[in-house]
Amino acid sequence: MSIRDLIEGKKKWRAHVARVKALPKDYQIVYKEIQNYLFKVGPVELTEGTGMLSGIIDLFEEGAAMGKGVLEVTGSDVAAFCDDLIKDSKTFADILQESVDQEVNKAMKKVPDKKK
């Protein structure tokens, strides 16, 4: 990654943060919780730019413009809303699970078969 890419990424992130700060306070609170949730359990693609997060801001901006409360947009179960967003995405948990399975399978091939 070049310095130019880093600078461009930083500019995009600052613009993203400015959009969040322009949202009504209740939307900001829920957005931060969604962001934290997705950073912990979320999809691998989340770290590759702000695509999904920008989509959430788009949705929130529309909801706010229509005068809706944030929970009218997400539903009362915000974690379920997040899970629905990432249901078809590969998560870090999936990668860890695959890694563990591969390591166990590799180790088991080295263990002599005791059935004989």
N, C-alpha and C. Protein backbone atom coordinates (compact mmCIF):
# COMPACT_ATOMS: atom_id res chain seq x y z
N MET A 1 0.84 -1.17 0.00
CA MET A 1 0.00 0.00 0.00
C MET A 1 0.89 1.24 0.00
N SER A 2 0.63 2.12 -0.92
CA SER A 2 1.45 3.32 -1.04
C SER A 2 0.96 4.41 -0.08
N ILE A 3 1.79 5.41 0.06
CA ILE A 3 1.42 6.55 0.90
C ILE A 3 0.18 7.24 0.34
N ARG A 4 0.12 7.31 -0.97
CA ARG A 4 -1.05 7.93 -1.62
C ARG A 4 -2.33 7.17 -1.24
N ASP A 5 -2.26 5.84 -1.21
CA ASP A 5 -3.42 5.02 -0.82
C ASP A 5 -3.81 5.29 0.63
N LEU A 6 -2.81 5.40 1.49
CA LEU A 6 -3.08 5.69 2.90
C LEU A 6 -3.76 7.04 3.08
N ILE A 7 -3.25 8.04 2.37
CA ILE A 7 -3.82 9.39 2.45
C ILE A 7 -5.25 9.38 1.92
N GLU A 8 -5.46 8.71 0.80
CA GLU A 8 -6.81 8.63 0.21
C GLU A 8 -7.76 7.90 1.16
N GLY A 9 -7.28 6.82 1.76
CA GLY A 9 -8.10 6.07 2.72
C GLY A 9 -8.47 6.92 3.92
N LYS A 10 -7.54 7.71 4.38
CA LYS A 10 -7.78 8.59 5.54
C LYS A 10 -8.81 9.66 5.18
N LYS A 11 -8.72 10.21 3.97
CA LYS A 11 -9.69 11.21 3.52
C LYS A 11 -11.10 10.60 3.48
N LYS A 12 -11.19 9.39 2.93
CA LYS A 12 -12.49 8.72 2.85
C LYS A 12 -13.04 8.46 4.25
N TRP A 13 -12.18 8.01 5.16
CA TRP A 13 -12.65 7.73 6.52
C TRP A 13 -13.13 9.01 7.20
N ARG A 14 -12.41 10.11 7.02
CA ARG A 14 -12.83 11.39 7.62
C ARG A 14 -14.18 11.84 7.07
N ALA A 15 -14.39 11.66 5.77
CA ALA A 15 -15.68 12.01 5.17
C ALA A 15 -16.78 11.11 5.74
N HIS A 16 -16.45 9.85 5.93
CA HIS A 16 -17.39 8.89 6.50
C HIS A 16 -17.78 9.32 7.92
N VAL A 17 -16.80 9.66 8.74
CA VAL A 17 -17.03 10.10 10.12
C VAL A 17 -17.87 11.38 10.14
N ALA A 18 -17.62 12.28 9.20
CA ALA A 18 -18.39 13.52 9.12
C ALA A 18 -19.87 13.22 8.83
N ARG A 19 -20.12 12.24 7.99
CA ARG A 19 -21.51 11.84 7.71
C ARG A 19 -22.18 11.30 8.97
N VAL A 20 -21.45 10.52 9.73
CA VAL A 20 -22.00 9.97 10.98
C VAL A 20 -22.34 11.11 11.93
N LYS A 21 -21.43 12.07 12.06
CA LYS A 21 -21.64 13.20 12.99
C LYS A 21 -22.81 14.09 12.56
N ALA A 22 -23.17 14.05 11.29
CA ALA A 22 -24.29 14.85 10.80
C ALA A 22 -25.64 14.19 11.08
N LEU A 23 -25.63 12.92 11.48
CA LEU A 23 -26.87 12.21 11.79
C LEU A 23 -27.44 12.70 13.12
N PRO A 24 -28.76 12.54 13.32
CA PRO A 24 -29.33 12.84 14.64
C PRO A 24 -28.66 11.98 15.72
N LYS A 25 -28.68 12.44 16.94
CA LYS A 25 -27.96 11.80 18.04
C LYS A 25 -28.35 10.33 18.22
N ASP A 26 -29.65 10.01 18.16
CA ASP A 26 -30.06 8.61 18.34
C ASP A 26 -29.48 7.72 17.24
N TYR A 27 -29.41 8.23 16.03
CA TYR A 27 -28.82 7.48 14.93
C TYR A 27 -27.32 7.29 15.16
N GLN A 28 -26.65 8.33 15.66
CA GLN A 28 -25.21 8.22 15.94
C GLN A 28 -24.93 7.13 16.97
N ILE A 29 -25.74 7.10 18.01
CA ILE A 29 -25.54 6.10 19.07
C ILE A 29 -25.70 4.69 18.51
N VAL A 30 -26.76 4.47 17.76
CA VAL A 30 -27.00 3.13 17.20
C VAL A 30 -25.94 2.80 16.16
N TYR A 31 -25.54 3.77 15.35
CA TYR A 31 -24.48 3.51 14.37
C TYR A 31 -23.20 3.05 15.06
N LYS A 32 -22.81 3.73 16.13
CA LYS A 32 -21.58 3.36 16.85
C LYS A 32 -21.68 1.94 17.40
N GLU A 33 -22.85 1.57 17.91
CA GLU A 33 -23.03 0.21 18.42
C GLU A 33 -22.97 -0.81 17.29
N ILE A 34 -23.56 -0.48 16.16
CA ILE A 34 -23.49 -1.37 15.00
C ILE A 34 -22.04 -1.51 14.55
N GLN A 35 -21.33 -0.40 14.46
CA GLN A 35 -19.93 -0.43 14.05
C GLN A 35 -19.11 -1.30 15.01
N ASN A 36 -19.28 -1.13 16.31
CA ASN A 36 -18.56 -1.95 17.28
C ASN A 36 -18.90 -3.42 17.12
N TYR A 37 -20.16 -3.71 16.95
CA TYR A 37 -20.61 -5.10 16.79
C TYR A 37 -19.97 -5.72 15.54
N LEU A 38 -20.04 -4.99 14.44
CA LEU A 38 -19.50 -5.53 13.18
C LEU A 38 -17.98 -5.66 13.23
N PHE A 39 -17.30 -4.77 13.92
CA PHE A 39 -15.85 -4.89 14.04
C PHE A 39 -15.47 -6.12 14.86
N LYS A 40 -16.31 -6.52 15.80
CA LYS A 40 -16.02 -7.68 16.64
C LYS A 40 -16.37 -9.00 15.96
N VAL A 41 -17.54 -9.08 15.35
CA VAL A 41 -18.00 -10.36 14.79
C VAL A 41 -18.08 -10.35 13.28
N GLY A 42 -17.88 -9.19 12.74
CA GLY A 42 -18.29 -8.92 11.39
C GLY A 42 -17.52 -9.54 10.26
N PRO A 43 -17.96 -9.16 9.11
CA PRO A 43 -17.44 -9.73 7.89
C PRO A 43 -16.03 -9.25 7.57
N VAL A 44 -15.32 -10.08 6.85
CA VAL A 44 -13.97 -9.76 6.44
C VAL A 44 -13.98 -8.51 5.55
N GLU A 45 -15.00 -8.37 4.72
CA GLU A 45 -15.07 -7.22 3.80
C GLU A 45 -15.17 -5.90 4.53
N LEU A 46 -15.58 -5.92 5.78
CA LEU A 46 -15.74 -4.68 6.52
C LEU A 46 -14.42 -3.93 6.63
N THR A 47 -13.33 -4.66 6.70
CA THR A 47 -12.02 -4.01 6.82
C THR A 47 -11.49 -3.57 5.46
N GLU A 48 -12.19 -3.89 4.40
CA GLU A 48 -11.76 -3.52 3.05
C GLU A 48 -12.56 -2.32 2.56
N GLY A 49 -12.38 -1.20 3.24
CA GLY A 49 -13.10 0.00 2.86
C GLY A 49 -14.31 0.20 3.75
N THR A 50 -15.15 1.14 3.39
CA THR A 50 -16.31 1.47 4.22
C THR A 50 -17.61 1.15 3.52
N GLY A 51 -17.61 0.25 2.56
CA GLY A 51 -18.80 -0.05 1.77
C GLY A 51 -20.03 -0.36 2.58
N MET A 52 -19.97 -1.37 3.45
CA MET A 52 -21.12 -1.75 4.24
C MET A 52 -21.50 -0.63 5.22
N LEU A 53 -20.51 -0.05 5.84
CA LEU A 53 -20.79 1.02 6.80
C LEU A 53 -21.40 2.23 6.10
N SER A 54 -20.93 2.54 4.91
CA SER A 54 -21.52 3.65 4.15
C SER A 54 -22.97 3.34 3.78
N GLY A 55 -23.23 2.09 3.47
CA GLY A 55 -24.60 1.69 3.17
C GLY A 55 -25.52 1.89 4.36
N ILE A 56 -25.01 1.59 5.55
CA ILE A 56 -25.80 1.81 6.76
C ILE A 56 -26.06 3.30 6.95
N ILE A 57 -25.05 4.12 6.71
CA ILE A 57 -25.25 5.57 6.83
C ILE A 57 -26.28 6.05 5.81
N ASP A 58 -26.22 5.53 4.57
CA ASP A 58 -27.22 5.89 3.56
C ASP A 58 -28.63 5.59 4.08
N LEU A 59 -28.80 4.38 4.64
CA LEU A 59 -30.08 3.97 5.18
C LEU A 59 -30.51 4.89 6.32
N PHE A 60 -29.57 5.23 7.19
CA PHE A 60 -29.87 6.10 8.32
C PHE A 60 -30.21 7.51 7.86
N GLU A 61 -29.49 8.01 6.88
CA GLU A 61 -29.80 9.35 6.35
C GLU A 61 -31.21 9.40 5.78
N GLU A 62 -31.59 8.35 5.06
CA GLU A 62 -32.95 8.28 4.51
C GLU A 62 -33.99 8.24 5.62
N GLY A 63 -33.74 7.40 6.63
CA GLY A 63 -34.67 7.29 7.75
C GLY A 63 -34.82 8.61 8.49
N ALA A 64 -33.71 9.28 8.73
CA ALA A 64 -33.75 10.57 9.43
C ALA A 64 -34.49 11.61 8.59
N ALA A 65 -34.25 11.61 7.28
CA ALA A 65 -34.91 12.57 6.38
C ALA A 65 -36.43 12.36 6.37
N MET A 66 -36.84 11.10 6.58
CA MET A 66 -38.28 10.78 6.61
C MET A 66 -38.88 11.00 7.99
N GLY A 67 -38.04 11.41 8.95
CA GLY A 67 -38.53 11.69 10.29
C GLY A 67 -38.73 10.45 11.15
N LYS A 68 -38.16 9.33 10.73
CA LYS A 68 -38.28 8.09 11.50
C LYS A 68 -37.26 8.05 12.62
N GLY A 69 -37.62 7.40 13.70
CA GLY A 69 -36.66 7.12 14.75
C GLY A 69 -35.75 5.99 14.29
N VAL A 70 -34.55 5.92 14.83
CA VAL A 70 -33.57 4.94 14.37
C VAL A 70 -34.07 3.51 14.53
N LEU A 71 -34.79 3.22 15.62
CA LEU A 71 -35.27 1.86 15.82
C LEU A 71 -36.42 1.49 14.89
N GLU A 72 -37.04 2.49 14.29
CA GLU A 72 -38.01 2.21 13.23
C GLU A 72 -37.29 1.72 11.98
N VAL A 73 -36.05 2.13 11.81
CA VAL A 73 -35.25 1.73 10.65
C VAL A 73 -34.62 0.36 10.88
N THR A 74 -34.04 0.16 12.06
CA THR A 74 -33.31 -1.08 12.33
C THR A 74 -34.18 -2.17 12.94
N GLY A 75 -35.25 -1.79 13.59
CA GLY A 75 -36.01 -2.71 14.42
C GLY A 75 -35.43 -2.64 15.83
N SER A 76 -36.15 -3.18 16.80
CA SER A 76 -35.71 -3.06 18.19
C SER A 76 -34.52 -3.95 18.52
N ASP A 77 -34.30 -5.01 17.75
CA ASP A 77 -33.16 -5.92 17.97
C ASP A 77 -32.04 -5.54 16.99
N VAL A 78 -31.20 -4.62 17.43
CA VAL A 78 -30.15 -4.09 16.56
C VAL A 78 -29.13 -5.17 16.20
N ALA A 79 -28.82 -6.08 17.12
CA ALA A 79 -27.89 -7.18 16.82
C ALA A 79 -28.45 -8.07 15.72
N ALA A 80 -29.74 -8.34 15.75
CA ALA A 80 -30.37 -9.14 14.70
C ALA A 80 -30.30 -8.40 13.36
N PHE A 81 -30.47 -7.09 13.39
CA PHE A 81 -30.33 -6.27 12.20
C PHE A 81 -28.93 -6.44 11.60
N CYS A 82 -27.92 -6.39 12.48
CA CYS A 82 -26.53 -6.58 12.04
C CYS A 82 -26.31 -7.98 11.48
N ASP A 83 -26.80 -8.97 12.20
CA ASP A 83 -26.64 -10.36 11.74
C ASP A 83 -27.27 -10.56 10.37
N ASP A 84 -28.41 -9.92 10.14
CA ASP A 84 -29.07 -10.03 8.85
C ASP A 84 -28.23 -9.38 7.75
N LEU A 85 -27.56 -8.29 8.08
CA LEU A 85 -26.70 -7.61 7.10
C LEU A 85 -25.53 -8.50 6.66
N ILE A 86 -25.00 -9.29 7.58
CA ILE A 86 -23.79 -10.06 7.29
C ILE A 86 -24.06 -11.55 7.09
N LYS A 87 -25.32 -11.94 6.98
CA LYS A 87 -25.65 -13.37 6.94
C LYS A 87 -24.98 -14.12 5.79
N ASP A 88 -24.72 -13.48 4.69
CA ASP A 88 -24.09 -14.14 3.56
C ASP A 88 -22.61 -13.79 3.40
N SER A 89 -22.05 -13.13 4.41
CA SER A 89 -20.66 -12.69 4.35
C SER A 89 -19.77 -13.62 5.16
N LYS A 90 -18.55 -13.77 4.71
CA LYS A 90 -17.57 -14.56 5.45
C LYS A 90 -17.06 -13.71 6.61
N THR A 91 -17.10 -14.28 7.82
CA THR A 91 -16.68 -13.55 9.00
C THR A 91 -15.33 -14.05 9.49
N PHE A 92 -14.74 -13.29 10.40
CA PHE A 92 -13.48 -13.72 11.01
C PHE A 92 -13.68 -15.01 11.79
N ALA A 93 -14.87 -15.20 12.36
CA ALA A 93 -15.17 -16.45 13.06
C ALA A 93 -15.14 -17.63 12.08
N ASP A 94 -15.66 -17.43 10.88
CA ASP A 94 -15.62 -18.48 9.86
C ASP A 94 -14.19 -18.85 9.51
N ILE A 95 -13.35 -17.86 9.36
CA ILE A 95 -11.94 -18.11 9.03
C ILE A 95 -11.26 -18.86 10.16
N LEU A 96 -11.52 -18.46 11.39
CA LEU A 96 -10.93 -19.14 12.55
C LEU A 96 -11.42 -20.58 12.62
N GLN A 97 -12.69 -20.78 12.38
CA GLN A 97 -13.26 -22.14 12.41
C GLN A 97 -12.61 -23.02 11.35
N GLU A 98 -12.46 -22.49 10.15
CA GLU A 98 -11.81 -23.25 9.08
C GLU A 98 -10.37 -23.59 9.45
N SER A 99 -9.67 -22.64 10.05
CA SER A 99 -8.28 -22.85 10.44
C SER A 99 -8.17 -23.96 11.49
N VAL A 100 -9.06 -23.92 12.47
CA VAL A 100 -9.05 -24.95 13.52
C VAL A 100 -9.33 -26.31 12.90
N ASP A 101 -10.32 -26.39 12.04
CA ASP A 101 -10.65 -27.66 11.39
C ASP A 101 -9.47 -28.20 10.58
N GLN A 102 -8.80 -27.31 9.85
CA GLN A 102 -7.64 -27.74 9.05
C GLN A 102 -6.52 -28.25 9.94
N GLU A 103 -6.25 -27.55 11.03
CA GLU A 103 -5.19 -27.97 11.94
C GLU A 103 -5.51 -29.31 12.59
N VAL A 104 -6.76 -29.50 13.00
CA VAL A 104 -7.16 -30.78 13.60
C VAL A 104 -7.03 -31.90 12.58
N ASN A 105 -7.51 -31.67 11.37
CA ASN A 105 -7.41 -32.70 10.33
C ASN A 105 -5.96 -33.04 10.02
N LYS A 106 -5.12 -32.02 9.96
CA LYS A 106 -3.70 -32.24 9.69
C LYS A 106 -3.07 -33.06 10.82
N ALA A 107 -3.38 -32.71 12.05
CA ALA A 107 -2.83 -33.41 13.21
C ALA A 107 -3.34 -34.84 13.28
N MET A 108 -4.60 -35.06 12.94
CA MET A 108 -5.18 -36.40 13.02
C MET A 108 -4.57 -37.34 11.99
N LYS A 109 -4.12 -36.81 10.87
CA LYS A 109 -3.49 -37.64 9.85
C LYS A 109 -2.16 -38.19 10.35
N LYS A 110 -1.54 -37.52 11.30
CA LYS A 110 -0.25 -37.94 11.84
C LYS A 110 -0.39 -38.97 12.96
N VAL A 111 -1.63 -39.10 13.51
CA VAL A 111 -1.85 -40.03 14.60
C VAL A 111 -2.10 -41.41 14.01
N PRO A 112 -1.39 -42.45 14.52
CA PRO A 112 -1.60 -43.80 13.99
C PRO A 112 -3.01 -44.29 14.29
N ASP A 113 -3.56 -45.03 13.36
CA ASP A 113 -4.91 -45.58 13.50
C ASP A 113 -4.85 -46.75 14.50
N LYS A 114 -5.59 -46.67 15.60
CA LYS A 114 -5.54 -47.68 16.65
C LYS A 114 -6.57 -48.78 16.44
N LYS A 115 -7.36 -48.72 15.38
CA LYS A 115 -8.39 -49.74 15.11
C LYS A 115 -7.80 -51.04 14.63
N LYS A 116 -6.59 -51.03 14.12
CA LYS A 116 -5.99 -52.23 13.54
C LYS A 116 -5.47 -53.17 14.57
